[in-house]
């Protein structure tokens, strides 16, 4: 006699098959991509596929403030959630982040931890919530929150178990991606200044030459050498000199635009790539940085003031050179012209005719 599965059993088998298929997709995402946002979106799509919440979100803990920040939000009011911070301990998500425990709330109107202001501001009606923490070694790095409106079915304990497993996957993916980013940063970053190192600078300028050639745009290269830096090392010691390099690197990072790329070229030499920037604008930027150096207070370990200036040379692609080596040489020549003129100045490269 053939076994005929009941309708309830058939639904259970169908659900298990869907869960298995989702785990396979999540596994693929974990092993094929290191882009944080792409991995998290893949994971949350599987949550949506399995549980069909009215709204869902993934919030990450901000390392500076400790607040929760909406990383991904899918709902009718998702645009309103972008950039919103939730204090740890406030609301359902904040409570879960603080205590590291999952919550299943069938009726939020009966729970004092629910923050009603979100519904009031967004005109969205929340009935039930399931919220689980994302953890790495008992440290909460985020939460996953699913919301059902009045017309949706209830969440249950099996949903918490499923989302908890997925949250573990999400936490692992996030940690792997962050570790990869940290290692990548170490490979391309100068450890004293926090700027790019000379090796990576070579890749950056080569890419900028190709990009500017393709689109017919200009960019400028600034070379600078710190004036009398050997004297600082001889007078105050190499530890003070190293600290000066670090402080100068931080100053450069604050002065340049987000699209600009600065590197420690070697010793006390630095280079800055200025995309979409002509010679005149490049010289102005160098003058601005020189002025910032003069207005910044540098001190020895004994609190003795140290005057830190630099000699700047500016060359522009393609006017001064149409290749990487030629442009570096032109900027270097202009920098030495600034040194010959008395240092603490800026010179633009001039083609001799």
C-alpha atoms as a PDB file:
ATOM      1  CA  UNK A   1       0.000   0.000   0.000  1.00  0.00           C
ATOM      2  CA  UNK A   2       1.546   3.310  -1.128  1.00  0.00           C
ATOM      3  CA  UNK A   3       2.185   6.011   1.444  1.00  0.00           C
ATOM      4  CA  UNK A   4       0.245   9.193   0.784  1.00  0.00           C
ATOM      5  CA  UNK A   5       1.729  12.193   2.588  1.00  0.00           C
ATOM      6  CA  UNK A   6      -0.765  14.461   4.336  1.00  0.00           C
ATOM      7  CA  UNK A   7      -1.123  18.062   3.242  1.00  0.00           C
ATOM      8  CA  UNK A   8       0.583  19.212   6.456  1.00  0.00           C
ATOM      9  CA  UNK A   9       3.521  16.875   5.913  1.00  0.00           C
ATOM     10  CA  UNK A  10       3.835  17.975   2.295  1.00  0.00           C
ATOM     11  CA  UNK A  11       4.069  21.589   3.385  1.00  0.00           C
ATOM     12  CA  UNK A  12       6.713  20.700   5.938  1.00  0.00           C
ATOM     13  CA  UNK A  13       8.761  18.864   3.312  1.00  0.00           C
ATOM     14  CA  UNK A  14       8.374  21.798   0.933  1.00  0.00           C
ATOM     15  CA  UNK A  15       9.533  24.189   3.647  1.00  0.00           C
ATOM     16  CA  UNK A  16      12.567  22.018   4.448  1.00  0.00           C
ATOM     17  CA  UNK A  17      13.491  21.859   0.764  1.00  0.00           C
ATOM     18  CA  UNK A  18      13.262  25.652   0.528  1.00  0.00           C
ATOM     19  CA  UNK A  19      15.427  26.038   3.620  1.00  0.00           C
ATOM     20  CA  UNK A  20      18.006  23.639   2.187  1.00  0.00           C
ATOM     21  CA  UNK A  21      18.061  25.502  -1.131  1.00  0.00           C
ATOM     22  CA  UNK A  22      18.474  28.819   0.687  1.00  0.00           C
ATOM     23  CA  UNK A  23      21.403  27.500   2.727  1.00  0.00           C
ATOM     24  CA  UNK A  24      23.083  26.378  -0.497  1.00  0.00           C
ATOM     25  CA  UNK A  25      22.668  29.883  -1.954  1.00  0.00           C
ATOM     26  CA  UNK A  26      24.055  31.441   1.216  1.00  0.00           C
ATOM     27  CA  UNK A  27      27.008  29.046   1.134  1.00  0.00           C
ATOM     28  CA  UNK A  28      27.729  30.025  -2.450  1.00  0.00           C
ATOM     29  CA  UNK A  29      27.672  33.709  -1.497  1.00  0.00           C
ATOM     30  CA  UNK A  30      30.109  33.110   1.355  1.00  0.00           C
ATOM     31  CA  UNK A  31      32.655  31.386  -0.884  1.00  0.00           C
ATOM     32  CA  UNK A  32      32.339  33.411  -4.080  1.00  0.00           C
ATOM     33  CA  UNK A  33      32.320  37.047  -2.975  1.00  0.00           C
ATOM     34  CA  UNK A  34      34.020  39.334  -0.456  1.00  0.00           C
ATOM     35  CA  UNK A  35      31.881  42.410  -1.055  1.00  0.00           C
ATOM     36  CA  UNK A  36      30.090  43.012   2.252  1.00  0.00           C
ATOM     37  CA  UNK A  37      26.942  44.597   0.867  1.00  0.00           C
ATOM     38  CA  UNK A  38      26.516  42.004  -1.887  1.00  0.00           C
ATOM     39  CA  UNK A  39      26.856  39.100   0.574  1.00  0.00           C
ATOM     40  CA  UNK A  40      24.421  40.591   3.059  1.00  0.00           C
ATOM     41  CA  UNK A  41      21.870  41.284   0.332  1.00  0.00           C
ATOM     42  CA  UNK A  42      22.114  37.678  -0.877  1.00  0.00           C
ATOM     43  CA  UNK A  43      21.588  36.396   2.657  1.00  0.00           C
ATOM     44  CA  UNK A  44      18.632  38.665   3.324  1.00  0.00           C
ATOM     45  CA  UNK A  45      16.978  37.730   0.037  1.00  0.00           C
ATOM     46  CA  UNK A  46      16.913  34.155   1.303  1.00  0.00           C
ATOM     47  CA  UNK A  47      15.277  35.343   4.530  1.00  0.00           C
ATOM     48  CA  UNK A  48      12.652  37.133   2.472  1.00  0.00           C
ATOM     49  CA  UNK A  49      12.124  34.047   0.327  1.00  0.00           C
ATOM     50  CA  UNK A  50      11.575  31.757   3.327  1.00  0.00           C
ATOM     51  CA  UNK A  51       9.625  33.908   5.774  1.00  0.00           C
ATOM     52  CA  UNK A  52       8.005  36.550   3.559  1.00  0.00           C
ATOM     53  CA  UNK A  53       7.954  39.342   6.156  1.00  0.00           C
ATOM     54  CA  UNK A  54       6.136  42.577   5.481  1.00  0.00           C
ATOM     55  CA  UNK A  55       9.378  44.403   6.143  1.00  0.00           C
ATOM     56  CA  UNK A  56      12.879  43.432   7.160  1.00  0.00           C
ATOM     57  CA  UNK A  57      16.153  45.090   7.921  1.00  0.00           C
ATOM     58  CA  UNK A  58      19.746  44.346   8.771  1.00  0.00           C
ATOM     59  CA  UNK A  59      21.418  46.791  11.133  1.00  0.00           C
ATOM     60  CA  UNK A  60      25.130  46.933  11.966  1.00  0.00           C
ATOM     61  CA  UNK A  61      26.783  48.248  15.095  1.00  0.00           C
ATOM     62  CA  UNK A  62      28.783  51.415  14.429  1.00  0.00           C
ATOM     63  CA  UNK A  63      32.287  50.857  15.830  1.00  0.00           C
ATOM     64  CA  UNK A  64      32.633  54.480  16.953  1.00  0.00           C
ATOM     65  CA  UNK A  65      29.288  55.289  18.591  1.00  0.00           C
ATOM     66  CA  UNK A  66      27.999  51.801  19.355  1.00  0.00           C
ATOM     67  CA  UNK A  67      24.684  52.767  17.729  1.00  0.00           C
ATOM     68  CA  UNK A  68      22.831  50.530  15.303  1.00  0.00           C
ATOM     69  CA  UNK A  69      22.784  51.777  11.707  1.00  0.00           C
ATOM     70  CA  UNK A  70      20.475  50.519   8.959  1.00  0.00           C
ATOM     71  CA  UNK A  71      22.682  48.723   6.425  1.00  0.00           C
ATOM     72  CA  UNK A  72      19.858  47.108   4.431  1.00  0.00           C
ATOM     73  CA  UNK A  73      16.144  47.843   4.755  1.00  0.00           C
ATOM     74  CA  UNK A  74      13.296  46.502   2.637  1.00  0.00           C
ATOM     75  CA  UNK A  75       9.865  47.923   3.299  1.00  0.00           C
ATOM     76  CA  UNK A  76       7.441  50.535   2.046  1.00  0.00           C
ATOM     77  CA  UNK A  77       9.355  53.108   4.107  1.00  0.00           C
ATOM     78  CA  UNK A  78      12.928  51.893   3.515  1.00  0.00           C
ATOM     79  CA  UNK A  79      14.044  55.258   2.091  1.00  0.00           C
ATOM     80  CA  UNK A  80      13.080  56.947   5.346  1.00  0.00           C
ATOM     81  CA  UNK A  81      15.275  54.549   7.327  1.00  0.00           C
ATOM     82  CA  UNK A  82      18.533  55.317   5.515  1.00  0.00           C
ATOM     83  CA  UNK A  83      21.056  56.933   7.811  1.00  0.00           C
ATOM     84  CA  UNK A  84      18.921  56.505  10.937  1.00  0.00           C
ATOM     85  CA  UNK A  85      20.833  55.547  14.091  1.00  0.00           C
ATOM     86  CA  UNK A  86      19.322  53.572  16.957  1.00  0.00           C
ATOM     87  CA  UNK A  87      20.945  53.790  20.364  1.00  0.00           C
ATOM     88  CA  UNK A  88      22.010  50.469  21.816  1.00  0.00           C
ATOM     89  CA  UNK A  89      19.330  49.449  24.287  1.00  0.00           C
ATOM     90  CA  UNK A  90      16.559  51.512  22.635  1.00  0.00           C
ATOM     91  CA  UNK A  91      13.693  49.767  20.836  1.00  0.00           C
ATOM     92  CA  UNK A  92      13.534  46.065  20.019  1.00  0.00           C
ATOM     93  CA  UNK A  93      16.642  46.058  17.825  1.00  0.00           C
ATOM     94  CA  UNK A  94      18.570  48.105  20.383  1.00  0.00           C
ATOM     95  CA  UNK A  95      17.573  45.740  23.187  1.00  0.00           C
ATOM     96  CA  UNK A  96      18.730  42.700  21.200  1.00  0.00           C
ATOM     97  CA  UNK A  97      22.046  44.410  20.365  1.00  0.00           C
ATOM     98  CA  UNK A  98      22.603  45.268  24.044  1.00  0.00           C
ATOM     99  CA  UNK A  99      21.682  41.892  25.520  1.00  0.00           C
ATOM    100  CA  UNK A 100      22.740  39.605  22.664  1.00  0.00           C
ATOM    101  CA  UNK A 101      19.492  37.626  22.904  1.00  0.00           C
ATOM    102  CA  UNK A 102      16.798  36.912  20.307  1.00  0.00           C
ATOM    103  CA  UNK A 103      13.277  38.288  20.723  1.00  0.00           C
ATOM    104  CA  UNK A 104       9.953  37.036  19.361  1.00  0.00           C
ATOM    105  CA  UNK A 105       7.140  39.487  20.023  1.00  0.00           C
ATOM    106  CA  UNK A 106       3.709  38.457  18.633  1.00  0.00           C
ATOM    107  CA  UNK A 107       2.094  41.772  19.594  1.00  0.00           C
ATOM    108  CA  UNK A 108       4.380  44.795  19.958  1.00  0.00           C
ATOM    109  CA  UNK A 109       1.578  46.877  21.488  1.00  0.00           C
ATOM    110  CA  UNK A 110       1.958  44.779  24.635  1.00  0.00           C
ATOM    111  CA  UNK A 111       5.727  45.185  24.914  1.00  0.00           C
ATOM    112  CA  UNK A 112       7.236  48.304  26.486  1.00  0.00           C
ATOM    113  CA  UNK A 113      10.511  47.814  24.606  1.00  0.00           C
ATOM    114  CA  UNK A 114       8.874  48.619  21.271  1.00  0.00           C
ATOM    115  CA  UNK A 115       9.677  52.149  20.024  1.00  0.00           C
ATOM    116  CA  UNK A 116       6.381  53.496  18.687  1.00  0.00           C
ATOM    117  CA  UNK A 117       7.941  56.632  17.218  1.00  0.00           C
ATOM    118  CA  UNK A 118       9.167  54.750  14.117  1.00  0.00           C
ATOM    119  CA  UNK A 119       5.610  53.724  13.214  1.00  0.00           C
ATOM    120  CA  UNK A 120       4.328  57.228  13.965  1.00  0.00           C
ATOM    121  CA  UNK A 121       6.957  58.890  11.785  1.00  0.00           C
ATOM    122  CA  UNK A 122       6.643  56.484   8.852  1.00  0.00           C
ATOM    123  CA  UNK A 123       2.871  55.748   8.963  1.00  0.00           C
ATOM    124  CA  UNK A 124       3.744  52.045   9.068  1.00  0.00           C
ATOM    125  CA  UNK A 125       1.877  49.625  11.354  1.00  0.00           C
ATOM    126  CA  UNK A 126       3.949  46.988  13.125  1.00  0.00           C
ATOM    127  CA  UNK A 127       2.250  44.021  14.748  1.00  0.00           C
ATOM    128  CA  UNK A 128       4.845  41.309  15.334  1.00  0.00           C
ATOM    129  CA  UNK A 129       8.631  41.315  15.345  1.00  0.00           C
ATOM    130  CA  UNK A 130      11.319  38.684  15.373  1.00  0.00           C
ATOM    131  CA  UNK A 131      14.814  40.047  15.991  1.00  0.00           C
ATOM    132  CA  UNK A 132      18.060  38.081  16.344  1.00  0.00           C
ATOM    133  CA  UNK A 133      21.640  39.213  17.028  1.00  0.00           C
ATOM    134  CA  UNK A 134      24.581  38.721  14.693  1.00  0.00           C
ATOM    135  CA  UNK A 135      27.559  37.662  16.796  1.00  0.00           C
ATOM    136  CA  UNK A 136      31.279  37.021  16.466  1.00  0.00           C
ATOM    137  CA  UNK A 137      32.685  35.317  19.586  1.00  0.00           C
ATOM    138  CA  UNK A 138      29.807  36.576  21.757  1.00  0.00           C
ATOM    139  CA  UNK A 139      30.354  40.114  20.467  1.00  0.00           C
ATOM    140  CA  UNK A 140      27.230  41.560  18.817  1.00  0.00           C
ATOM    141  CA  UNK A 141      28.064  43.211  15.493  1.00  0.00           C
ATOM    142  CA  UNK A 142      24.500  43.700  14.242  1.00  0.00           C
ATOM    143  CA  UNK A 143      20.923  42.456  14.251  1.00  0.00           C
ATOM    144  CA  UNK A 144      18.412  41.077  11.773  1.00  0.00           C
ATOM    145  CA  UNK A 145      14.840  42.247  12.290  1.00  0.00           C
ATOM    146  CA  UNK A 146      11.694  40.971  10.545  1.00  0.00           C
ATOM    147  CA  UNK A 147       8.336  42.720  10.816  1.00  0.00           C
ATOM    148  CA  UNK A 148       4.805  41.580  10.020  1.00  0.00           C
ATOM    149  CA  UNK A 149       1.833  43.881   9.612  1.00  0.00           C
ATOM    150  CA  UNK A 150      -1.699  43.093  10.803  1.00  0.00           C
ATOM    151  CA  UNK A 151      -2.673  40.976   7.803  1.00  0.00           C
ATOM    152  CA  UNK A 152       0.399  38.705   7.951  1.00  0.00           C
ATOM    153  CA  UNK A 153       0.788  35.350   9.702  1.00  0.00           C
ATOM    154  CA  UNK A 154       2.581  35.081  13.044  1.00  0.00           C
ATOM    155  CA  UNK A 155       6.241  34.264  13.480  1.00  0.00           C
ATOM    156  CA  UNK A 156       7.036  31.276  15.694  1.00  0.00           C
ATOM    157  CA  UNK A 157       9.987  29.656  17.478  1.00  0.00           C
ATOM    158  CA  UNK A 158      11.029  27.733  14.374  1.00  0.00           C
ATOM    159  CA  UNK A 159      11.445  31.067  12.580  1.00  0.00           C
ATOM    160  CA  UNK A 160      13.802  32.269  15.313  1.00  0.00           C
ATOM    161  CA  UNK A 161      15.895  29.126  14.942  1.00  0.00           C
ATOM    162  CA  UNK A 162      16.100  29.577  11.177  1.00  0.00           C
ATOM    163  CA  UNK A 163      16.955  33.281  11.336  1.00  0.00           C
ATOM    164  CA  UNK A 164      19.538  32.628  14.058  1.00  0.00           C
ATOM    165  CA  UNK A 165      21.349  30.207  11.752  1.00  0.00           C
ATOM    166  CA  UNK A 166      21.219  32.746   8.932  1.00  0.00           C
ATOM    167  CA  UNK A 167      22.415  35.494  11.304  1.00  0.00           C
ATOM    168  CA  UNK A 168      25.436  33.330  12.121  1.00  0.00           C
ATOM    169  CA  UNK A 169      26.164  33.030   8.402  1.00  0.00           C
ATOM    170  CA  UNK A 170      25.795  36.795   7.987  1.00  0.00           C
ATOM    171  CA  UNK A 171      28.165  37.481  10.897  1.00  0.00           C
ATOM    172  CA  UNK A 172      30.793  35.129   9.490  1.00  0.00           C
ATOM    173  CA  UNK A 173      30.474  36.707   6.041  1.00  0.00           C
ATOM    174  CA  UNK A 174      30.788  40.178   7.492  1.00  0.00           C
ATOM    175  CA  UNK A 175      33.840  39.304   9.576  1.00  0.00           C
ATOM    176  CA  UNK A 176      35.563  37.603   6.628  1.00  0.00           C
ATOM    177  CA  UNK A 177      34.924  40.589   4.372  1.00  0.00           C
ATOM    178  CA  UNK A 178      36.160  43.051   6.986  1.00  0.00           C
ATOM    179  CA  UNK A 179      39.299  41.011   7.611  1.00  0.00           C
ATOM    180  CA  UNK A 180      39.955  40.940   3.883  1.00  0.00           C
ATOM    181  CA  UNK A 181      39.540  44.718   3.711  1.00  0.00           C
ATOM    182  CA  UNK A 182      41.912  45.216   6.653  1.00  0.00           C
ATOM    183  CA  UNK A 183      44.562  42.980   5.070  1.00  0.00           C
ATOM    184  CA  UNK A 184      44.143  44.739   1.726  1.00  0.00           C
ATOM    185  CA  UNK A 185      44.594  48.113   3.429  1.00  0.00           C
ATOM    186  CA  UNK A 186      47.787  46.929   5.119  1.00  0.00           C
ATOM    187  CA  UNK A 187      49.221  45.824   1.772  1.00  0.00           C
ATOM    188  CA  UNK A 188      48.717  49.223   0.118  1.00  0.00           C
ATOM    189  CA  UNK A 189      49.140  51.584   3.095  1.00  0.00           C
ATOM    190  CA  UNK A 190      52.278  53.181   4.526  1.00  0.00           C
ATOM    191  CA  UNK A 191      52.350  52.308   8.218  1.00  0.00           C
ATOM    192  CA  UNK A 192      53.801  55.651   9.386  1.00  0.00           C
ATOM    193  CA  UNK A 193      51.615  58.120   7.511  1.00  0.00           C
ATOM    194  CA  UNK A 194      48.420  56.201   6.807  1.00  0.00           C
ATOM    195  CA  UNK A 195      48.707  57.252   3.151  1.00  0.00           C
ATOM    196  CA  UNK A 196      49.228  54.887   0.224  1.00  0.00           C
ATOM    197  CA  UNK A 197      52.675  53.338  -0.086  1.00  0.00           C
ATOM    198  CA  UNK A 198      54.961  53.907  -3.072  1.00  0.00           C
ATOM    199  CA  UNK A 199      54.224  50.521  -4.621  1.00  0.00           C
ATOM    200  CA  UNK A 200      50.500  51.145  -4.719  1.00  0.00           C
ATOM    201  CA  UNK A 201      51.102  54.696  -5.920  1.00  0.00           C
ATOM    202  CA  UNK A 202      52.625  53.212  -9.073  1.00  0.00           C
ATOM    203  CA  UNK A 203      49.373  51.326  -9.762  1.00  0.00           C
ATOM    204  CA  UNK A 204      47.267  54.407  -9.012  1.00  0.00           C
ATOM    205  CA  UNK A 205      49.091  56.752 -11.373  1.00  0.00           C
ATOM    206  CA  UNK A 206      49.167  54.123 -14.133  1.00  0.00           C
ATOM    207  CA  UNK A 207      45.385  53.706 -13.782  1.00  0.00           C
ATOM    208  CA  UNK A 208      44.862  57.470 -13.805  1.00  0.00           C
ATOM    209  CA  UNK A 209      46.955  57.844 -16.984  1.00  0.00           C
ATOM    210  CA  UNK A 210      44.854  55.182 -18.711  1.00  0.00           C
ATOM    211  CA  UNK A 211      41.565  56.630 -17.473  1.00  0.00           C
ATOM    212  CA  UNK A 212      42.456  60.199 -18.464  1.00  0.00           C
ATOM    213  CA  UNK A 213      43.693  59.031 -21.875  1.00  0.00           C
ATOM    214  CA  UNK A 214      40.456  57.147 -22.471  1.00  0.00           C
ATOM    215  CA  UNK A 215      38.196  60.069 -21.578  1.00  0.00           C
ATOM    216  CA  UNK A 216      40.389  62.923 -22.766  1.00  0.00           C
ATOM    217  CA  UNK A 217      40.660  64.568 -19.348  1.00  0.00           C
ATOM    218  CA  UNK A 218      43.545  66.162 -17.474  1.00  0.00           C
ATOM    219  CA  UNK A 219      44.970  65.398 -14.057  1.00  0.00           C
ATOM    220  CA  UNK A 220      47.809  66.845 -12.045  1.00  0.00           C
ATOM    221  CA  UNK A 221      50.567  65.229 -10.032  1.00  0.00           C
ATOM    222  CA  UNK A 222      52.072  66.973  -6.999  1.00  0.00           C
ATOM    223  CA  UNK A 223      55.497  65.953  -5.732  1.00  0.00           C
ATOM    224  CA  UNK A 224      56.706  67.371  -2.423  1.00  0.00           C
ATOM    225  CA  UNK A 225      59.754  66.954  -0.251  1.00  0.00           C
ATOM    226  CA  UNK A 226      59.818  68.014   3.416  1.00  0.00           C
ATOM    227  CA  UNK A 227      62.355  70.798   3.912  1.00  0.00           C
ATOM    228  CA  UNK A 228      65.411  70.122   6.097  1.00  0.00           C
ATOM    229  CA  UNK A 229      63.829  66.959   7.474  1.00  0.00           C
ATOM    230  CA  UNK A 230      67.234  65.396   8.148  1.00  0.00           C
ATOM    231  CA  UNK A 231      67.871  68.255  10.543  1.00  0.00           C
ATOM    232  CA  UNK A 232      64.721  67.360  12.504  1.00  0.00           C
ATOM    233  CA  UNK A 233      65.913  63.771  12.840  1.00  0.00           C
ATOM    234  CA  UNK A 234      69.430  64.866  13.841  1.00  0.00           C
ATOM    235  CA  UNK A 235      68.206  67.421  16.379  1.00  0.00           C
ATOM    236  CA  UNK A 236      65.210  65.697  17.928  1.00  0.00           C
ATOM    237  CA  UNK A 237      65.769  62.027  17.122  1.00  0.00           C
ATOM    238  CA  UNK A 238      64.229  59.578  14.664  1.00  0.00           C
ATOM    239  CA  UNK A 239      61.239  58.822  16.900  1.00  0.00           C
ATOM    240  CA  UNK A 240      60.189  62.466  16.725  1.00  0.00           C
ATOM    241  CA  UNK A 241      60.881  62.429  12.992  1.00  0.00           C
ATOM    242  CA  UNK A 242      58.633  59.390  12.550  1.00  0.00           C
ATOM    243  CA  UNK A 243      55.907  61.108  14.558  1.00  0.00           C
ATOM    244  CA  UNK A 244      56.232  64.200  12.347  1.00  0.00           C
ATOM    245  CA  UNK A 245      55.705  61.994   9.276  1.00  0.00           C
ATOM    246  CA  UNK A 246      52.576  60.533  10.836  1.00  0.00           C
ATOM    247  CA  UNK A 247      51.197  63.958  11.752  1.00  0.00           C
ATOM    248  CA  UNK A 248      51.977  65.295   8.302  1.00  0.00           C
ATOM    249  CA  UNK A 249      50.241  62.300   6.695  1.00  0.00           C
ATOM    250  CA  UNK A 250      47.135  63.045   8.746  1.00  0.00           C
ATOM    251  CA  UNK A 251      47.275  66.703   7.674  1.00  0.00           C
ATOM    252  CA  UNK A 252      47.476  65.730   4.000  1.00  0.00           C
ATOM    253  CA  UNK A 253      44.511  63.398   4.437  1.00  0.00           C
ATOM    254  CA  UNK A 254      42.423  66.267   5.819  1.00  0.00           C
ATOM    255  CA  UNK A 255      43.407  68.766   3.128  1.00  0.00           C
ATOM    256  CA  UNK A 256      42.870  66.736  -0.054  1.00  0.00           C
ATOM    257  CA  UNK A 257      39.539  65.939  -1.687  1.00  0.00           C
ATOM    258  CA  UNK A 258      37.920  62.519  -1.376  1.00  0.00           C
ATOM    259  CA  UNK A 259      38.785  61.843  -5.040  1.00  0.00           C
ATOM    260  CA  UNK A 260      42.472  62.727  -4.596  1.00  0.00           C
ATOM    261  CA  UNK A 261      45.090  60.062  -3.844  1.00  0.00           C
ATOM    262  CA  UNK A 262      48.098  60.751  -1.624  1.00  0.00           C
ATOM    263  CA  UNK A 263      51.106  58.501  -1.063  1.00  0.00           C
ATOM    264  CA  UNK A 264      54.402  58.460   0.764  1.00  0.00           C
ATOM    265  CA  UNK A 265      56.773  58.133  -2.165  1.00  0.00           C
ATOM    266  CA  UNK A 266      59.851  57.400  -0.101  1.00  0.00           C
ATOM    267  CA  UNK A 267      61.631  58.795   2.969  1.00  0.00           C
ATOM    268  CA  UNK A 268      60.319  62.340   3.324  1.00  0.00           C
ATOM    269  CA  UNK A 269      58.944  62.575  -0.222  1.00  0.00           C
ATOM    270  CA  UNK A 270      55.224  62.489  -0.983  1.00  0.00           C
ATOM    271  CA  UNK A 271      53.048  62.409  -4.094  1.00  0.00           C
ATOM    272  CA  UNK A 272      49.432  63.437  -4.630  1.00  0.00           C
ATOM    273  CA  UNK A 273      47.299  62.576  -7.663  1.00  0.00           C
ATOM    274  CA  UNK A 274      44.615  65.181  -8.415  1.00  0.00           C
ATOM    275  CA  UNK A 275      42.034  63.805 -10.894  1.00  0.00           C
ATOM    276  CA  UNK A 276      40.251  66.250 -13.230  1.00  0.00           C
ATOM    277  CA  UNK A 277      42.658  69.002 -12.200  1.00  0.00           C
ATOM    278  CA  UNK A 278      44.658  71.348 -14.442  1.00  0.00           C
ATOM    279  CA  UNK A 279      47.990  73.008 -13.679  1.00  0.00           C
ATOM    280  CA  UNK A 280      46.548  76.175 -12.161  1.00  0.00           C
ATOM    281  CA  UNK A 281      44.227  74.270  -9.817  1.00  0.00           C
ATOM    282  CA  UNK A 282      47.042  71.879  -8.930  1.00  0.00           C
ATOM    283  CA  UNK A 283      49.317  74.750  -7.926  1.00  0.00           C
ATOM    284  CA  UNK A 284      46.520  76.277  -5.835  1.00  0.00           C
ATOM    285  CA  UNK A 285      46.010  72.987  -4.022  1.00  0.00           C
ATOM    286  CA  UNK A 286      49.754  72.748  -3.280  1.00  0.00           C
ATOM    287  CA  UNK A 287      49.762  76.335  -1.987  1.00  0.00           C
ATOM    288  CA  UNK A 288      46.800  75.512   0.239  1.00  0.00           C
ATOM    289  CA  UNK A 289      48.642  72.522   1.715  1.00  0.00           C
ATOM    290  CA  UNK A 290      51.793  74.596   2.271  1.00  0.00           C
ATOM    291  CA  UNK A 291      49.720  77.226   4.084  1.00  0.00           C
ATOM    292  CA  UNK A 292      48.113  74.518   6.237  1.00  0.00           C
ATOM    293  CA  UNK A 293      51.596  73.270   7.169  1.00  0.00           C
ATOM    294  CA  UNK A 294      52.625  76.759   8.270  1.00  0.00           C
ATOM    295  CA  UNK A 295      49.464  77.141  10.346  1.00  0.00           C
ATOM    296  CA  UNK A 296      49.820  73.730  12.020  1.00  0.00           C
ATOM    297  CA  UNK A 297      51.734  73.399  15.271  1.00  0.00           C
ATOM    298  CA  UNK A 298      54.347  70.639  15.345  1.00  0.00           C
ATOM    299  CA  UNK A 299      56.286  69.929  18.537  1.00  0.00           C
ATOM    300  CA  UNK A 300      59.206  67.863  19.773  1.00  0.00           C
ATOM    301  CA  UNK A 301      58.913  65.546  22.766  1.00  0.00           C
ATOM    302  CA  UNK A 302      60.141  68.461  24.911  1.00  0.00           C
ATOM    303  CA  UNK A 303      57.317  70.624  23.501  1.00  0.00           C
ATOM    304  CA  UNK A 304      59.745  72.642  21.380  1.00  0.00           C
ATOM    305  CA  UNK A 305      57.988  74.084  18.278  1.00  0.00           C
ATOM    306  CA  UNK A 306      59.133  72.562  14.989  1.00  0.00           C
ATOM    307  CA  UNK A 307      58.641  74.486  11.758  1.00  0.00           C
ATOM    308  CA  UNK A 308      57.653  71.979   9.080  1.00  0.00           C
ATOM    309  CA  UNK A 309      57.466  73.117   5.462  1.00  0.00           C
ATOM    310  CA  UNK A 310      57.909  71.481   2.068  1.00  0.00           C
ATOM    311  CA  UNK A 311      58.942  72.170  -1.512  1.00  0.00           C
ATOM    312  CA  UNK A 312      56.229  71.368  -4.056  1.00  0.00           C
ATOM    313  CA  UNK A 313      56.366  70.545  -7.757  1.00  0.00           C
ATOM    314  CA  UNK A 314      53.270  70.252  -9.956  1.00  0.00           C
ATOM    315  CA  UNK A 315      53.002  68.620 -13.390  1.00  0.00           C
ATOM    316  CA  UNK A 316      49.903  68.015 -15.484  1.00  0.00           C
ATOM    317  CA  UNK A 317      48.848  65.206 -17.804  1.00  0.00           C
ATOM    318  CA  UNK A 318      48.832  65.364 -20.810  1.00  0.00           C
ATOM    319  CA  UNK A 319      50.261  68.904 -21.132  1.00  0.00           C
ATOM    320  CA  UNK A 320      53.620  68.164 -19.482  1.00  0.00           C
ATOM    321  CA  UNK A 321      53.873  64.438 -20.261  1.00  0.00           C
ATOM    322  CA  UNK A 322      51.640  61.781 -21.784  1.00  0.00           C
ATOM    323  CA  UNK A 323      52.930  58.814 -19.799  1.00  0.00           C
ATOM    324  CA  UNK A 324      53.581  57.811 -16.189  1.00  0.00           C
ATOM    325  CA  UNK A 325      57.384  58.041 -16.199  1.00  0.00           C
ATOM    326  CA  UNK A 326      57.400  61.398 -17.977  1.00  0.00           C
ATOM    327  CA  UNK A 327      54.880  62.920 -15.608  1.00  0.00           C
ATOM    328  CA  UNK A 328      56.778  61.759 -12.505  1.00  0.00           C
ATOM    329  CA  UNK A 329      59.987  63.229 -13.934  1.00  0.00           C
ATOM    330  CA  UNK A 330      58.262  66.544 -14.701  1.00  0.00           C
ATOM    331  CA  UNK A 331      56.810  66.849 -11.188  1.00  0.00           C
ATOM    332  CA  UNK A 332      60.209  65.939  -9.711  1.00  0.00           C
ATOM    333  CA  UNK A 333      61.964  68.624 -11.782  1.00  0.00           C
ATOM    334  CA  UNK A 334      59.425  71.239 -10.662  1.00  0.00           C
ATOM    335  CA  UNK A 335      59.932  70.199  -7.031  1.00  0.00           C
ATOM    336  CA  UNK A 336      63.697  70.678  -7.301  1.00  0.00           C
ATOM    337  CA  UNK A 337      63.075  74.083  -8.885  1.00  0.00           C
ATOM    338  CA  UNK A 338      61.140  74.989  -5.720  1.00  0.00           C
ATOM    339  CA  UNK A 339      64.071  73.815  -3.599  1.00  0.00           C
ATOM    340  CA  UNK A 340      66.537  75.821  -5.679  1.00  0.00           C
ATOM    341  CA  UNK A 341      64.357  78.911  -5.225  1.00  0.00           C
ATOM    342  CA  UNK A 342      64.720  78.744  -1.443  1.00  0.00           C
ATOM    343  CA  UNK A 343      62.357  75.922  -0.387  1.00  0.00           C
ATOM    344  CA  UNK A 344      58.908  76.276   1.248  1.00  0.00           C
ATOM    345  CA  UNK A 345      57.399  77.085  -2.128  1.00  0.00           C
ATOM    346  CA  UNK A 346      55.435  75.748  -5.079  1.00  0.00           C
ATOM    347  CA  UNK A 347      56.532  75.463  -8.700  1.00  0.00           C
ATOM    348  CA  UNK A 348      54.661  74.237 -11.722  1.00  0.00           C
ATOM    349  CA  UNK A 349      56.596  72.392 -14.411  1.00  0.00           C
ATOM    350  CA  UNK A 350      57.465  74.541 -17.416  1.00  0.00           C
ATOM    351  CA  UNK A 351      58.371  72.937 -20.742  1.00  0.00           C
ATOM    352  CA  UNK A 352      61.557  74.546 -22.088  1.00  0.00           C
ATOM    353  CA  UNK A 353      61.357  75.627 -25.712  1.00  0.00           C
END
